[in-house]
PDB file of N, CA and C in Angstrom:
ATOM      1  N   MET A   1      47.082   2.184  -7.205  1.00  0.00           N
ATOM      2  CA  MET A   1      46.238   1.094  -6.721  1.00  0.00           C
ATOM      3  C   MET A   1      44.751   1.400  -7.025  1.00  0.00           C
ATOM      4  N   VAL A   2      44.299   2.561  -6.548  1.00  0.00           N
ATOM      5  CA  VAL A   2      42.908   2.967  -6.797  1.00  0.00           C
ATOM      6  C   VAL A   2      42.653   3.085  -8.286  1.00  0.00           C
ATOM      7  N   ARG A   3      43.646   3.617  -8.992  1.00  0.00           N
ATOM      8  CA  ARG A   3      43.515   3.810 -10.428  1.00  0.00           C
ATOM      9  C   ARG A   3      43.306   2.485 -11.145  1.00  0.00           C
ATOM     10  N   ILE A   4      44.081   1.486 -10.733  1.00  0.00           N
ATOM     11  CA  ILE A   4      43.953   0.152 -11.316  1.00  0.00           C
ATOM     12  C   ILE A   4      42.562  -0.411 -11.033  1.00  0.00           C
ATOM     13  N   PHE A   5      42.112  -0.250  -9.790  1.00  0.00           N
ATOM     14  CA  PHE A   5      40.791  -0.743  -9.407  1.00  0.00           C
ATOM     15  C   PHE A   5      39.697  -0.082 -10.243  1.00  0.00           C
ATOM     16  N   LEU A   6      39.781   1.230 -10.397  1.00  0.00           N
ATOM     17  CA  LEU A   6      38.799   1.961 -11.193  1.00  0.00           C
ATOM     18  C   LEU A   6      38.835   1.519 -12.651  1.00  0.00           C
ATOM     19  N   SER A   7      40.032   1.242 -13.141  1.00  0.00           N
ATOM     20  CA  SER A   7      40.176   0.765 -14.515  1.00  0.00           C
ATOM     21  C   SER A   7      39.485  -0.573 -14.699  1.00  0.00           C
ATOM     22  N   ILE A   8      39.682  -1.459 -13.732  1.00  0.00           N
ATOM     23  CA  ILE A   8      39.044  -2.779 -13.791  1.00  0.00           C
ATOM     24  C   ILE A   8      37.521  -2.637 -13.749  1.00  0.00           C
ATOM     25  N   VAL A   9      37.050  -1.801 -12.844  1.00  0.00           N
ATOM     26  CA  VAL A   9      35.604  -1.570 -12.729  1.00  0.00           C
ATOM     27  C   VAL A   9      35.052  -1.013 -14.035  1.00  0.00           C
ATOM     28  N   TRP A  10      35.780  -0.061 -14.613  1.00  0.00           N
ATOM     29  CA  TRP A  10      35.365   0.567 -15.871  1.00  0.00           C
ATOM     30  C   TRP A  10      35.247  -0.464 -16.982  1.00  0.00           C
ATOM     31  N   VAL A  11      36.289  -1.322 -17.078  1.00  0.00           N
ATOM     32  CA  VAL A  11      36.296  -2.361 -18.113  1.00  0.00           C
ATOM     33  C   VAL A  11      35.127  -3.328 -17.925  1.00  0.00           C
ATOM     34  N   PHE A  12      34.923  -3.772 -16.703  1.00  0.00           N
ATOM     35  CA  PHE A  12      33.844  -4.728 -16.445  1.00  0.00           C
ATOM     36  C   PHE A  12      32.462  -4.101 -16.600  1.00  0.00           C
ATOM     37  N   THR A  13      32.401  -2.769 -16.497  1.00  0.00           N
ATOM     38  CA  THR A  13      31.121  -2.085 -16.664  1.00  0.00           C
ATOM     39  C   THR A  13      30.776  -1.894 -18.135  1.00  0.00           C
ATOM     40  N   PHE A  14      31.767  -1.530 -18.936  1.00  0.00           N
ATOM     41  CA  PHE A  14      31.509  -1.195 -20.338  1.00  0.00           C
ATOM     42  C   PHE A  14      31.773  -2.334 -21.321  1.00  0.00           C
ATOM     43  N   TRP A  15      32.684  -3.250 -20.959  1.00  0.00           N
ATOM     44  CA  TRP A  15      33.029  -4.334 -21.862  1.00  0.00           C
ATOM     45  C   TRP A  15      31.819  -5.159 -22.273  1.00  0.00           C
ATOM     46  N   PRO A  16      30.963  -5.602 -21.328  1.00  0.00           N
ATOM     47  CA  PRO A  16      29.791  -6.397 -21.687  1.00  0.00           C
ATOM     48  C   PRO A  16      28.782  -5.603 -22.524  1.00  0.00           C
ATOM     49  N   LEU A  17      28.794  -4.285 -22.391  1.00  0.00           N
ATOM     50  CA  LEU A  17      27.827  -3.455 -23.103  1.00  0.00           C
ATOM     51  C   LEU A  17      28.267  -3.158 -24.529  1.00  0.00           C
ATOM     52  N   GLN A  18      29.570  -3.209 -24.757  1.00  0.00           N
ATOM     53  CA  GLN A  18      30.109  -2.871 -26.072  1.00  0.00           C
ATOM     54  C   GLN A  18      30.578  -4.133 -26.799  1.00  0.00           C
ATOM     55  N   PRO A  19      30.613  -4.075 -28.137  1.00  0.00           N
ATOM     56  CA  PRO A  19      31.164  -5.184 -28.909  1.00  0.00           C
ATOM     57  C   PRO A  19      32.656  -5.345 -28.639  1.00  0.00           C
ATOM     58  N   LEU A  20      33.196  -6.501 -28.980  1.00  0.00           N
ATOM     59  CA  LEU A  20      34.609  -6.773 -28.724  1.00  0.00           C
ATOM     60  C   LEU A  20      35.520  -5.787 -29.440  1.00  0.00           C
ATOM     61  N   ARG A  21      35.039  -5.265 -30.568  1.00  0.00           N
ATOM     62  CA  ARG A  21      35.875  -4.328 -31.331  1.00  0.00           C
ATOM     63  C   ARG A  21      36.113  -3.039 -30.565  1.00  0.00           C
ATOM     64  N   SER A  22      35.279  -2.768 -29.572  1.00  0.00           N
ATOM     65  CA  SER A  22      35.424  -1.547 -28.789  1.00  0.00           C
ATOM     66  C   SER A  22      36.386  -1.727 -27.617  1.00  0.00           C
ATOM     67  N   TRP A  23      36.976  -2.932 -27.514  1.00  0.00           N
ATOM     68  CA  TRP A  23      37.891  -3.193 -26.402  1.00  0.00           C
ATOM     69  C   TRP A  23      39.163  -2.360 -26.521  1.00  0.00           C
ATOM     70  N   ALA A  24      39.561  -2.070 -27.751  1.00  0.00           N
ATOM     71  CA  ALA A  24      40.800  -1.327 -27.966  1.00  0.00           C
ATOM     72  C   ALA A  24      40.716   0.143 -27.488  1.00  0.00           C
ATOM     73  N   PRO A  25      39.700   0.908 -27.883  1.00  0.00           N
ATOM     74  CA  PRO A  25      39.594   2.293 -27.434  1.00  0.00           C
ATOM     75  C   PRO A  25      39.525   2.421 -25.904  1.00  0.00           C
ATOM     76  N   PRO A  26      38.688   1.613 -25.212  1.00  0.00           N
ATOM     77  CA  PRO A  26      38.649   1.698 -23.754  1.00  0.00           C
ATOM     78  C   PRO A  26      40.013   1.416 -23.157  1.00  0.00           C
ATOM     79  N   ARG A  27      40.743   0.464 -23.759  1.00  0.00           N
ATOM     80  CA  ARG A  27      42.059   0.113 -23.254  1.00  0.00           C
ATOM     81  C   ARG A  27      42.977   1.329 -23.307  1.00  0.00           C
ATOM     82  N   SER A  28      42.944   2.076 -24.379  1.00  0.00           N
ATOM     83  CA  SER A  28      43.803   3.242 -24.482  1.00  0.00           C
ATOM     84  C   SER A  28      43.380   4.326 -23.512  1.00  0.00           C
ATOM     85  N   LEU A  29      42.086   4.415 -23.249  1.00  0.00           N
ATOM     86  CA  LEU A  29      41.602   5.406 -22.284  1.00  0.00           C
ATOM     87  C   LEU A  29      42.032   5.039 -20.870  1.00  0.00           C
ATOM     88  N   VAL A  30      42.035   3.757 -20.594  1.00  0.00           N
ATOM     89  CA  VAL A  30      42.428   3.278 -19.262  1.00  0.00           C
ATOM     90  C   VAL A  30      43.886   3.625 -18.972  1.00  0.00           C
ATOM     91  N   PHE A  31      44.730   3.521 -19.999  1.00  0.00           N
ATOM     92  CA  PHE A  31      46.168   3.772 -19.811  1.00  0.00           C
ATOM     93  C   PHE A  31      46.527   5.249 -19.919  1.00  0.00           C
ATOM     94  N   THR A  32      45.558   6.045 -20.325  1.00  0.00           N
ATOM     95  CA  THR A  32      45.832   7.469 -20.483  1.00  0.00           C
ATOM     96  C   THR A  32      45.864   8.175 -19.136  1.00  0.00           C
TER      97      THR A  32
END
């Protein structure tokens, strides 16, 4: 539960800062 929440926070924090092409690497880090 906490892990999912942190993942969402991480995505919303970095997604706007990075180009869309960087969505894939963060996604793999989130699931790692």
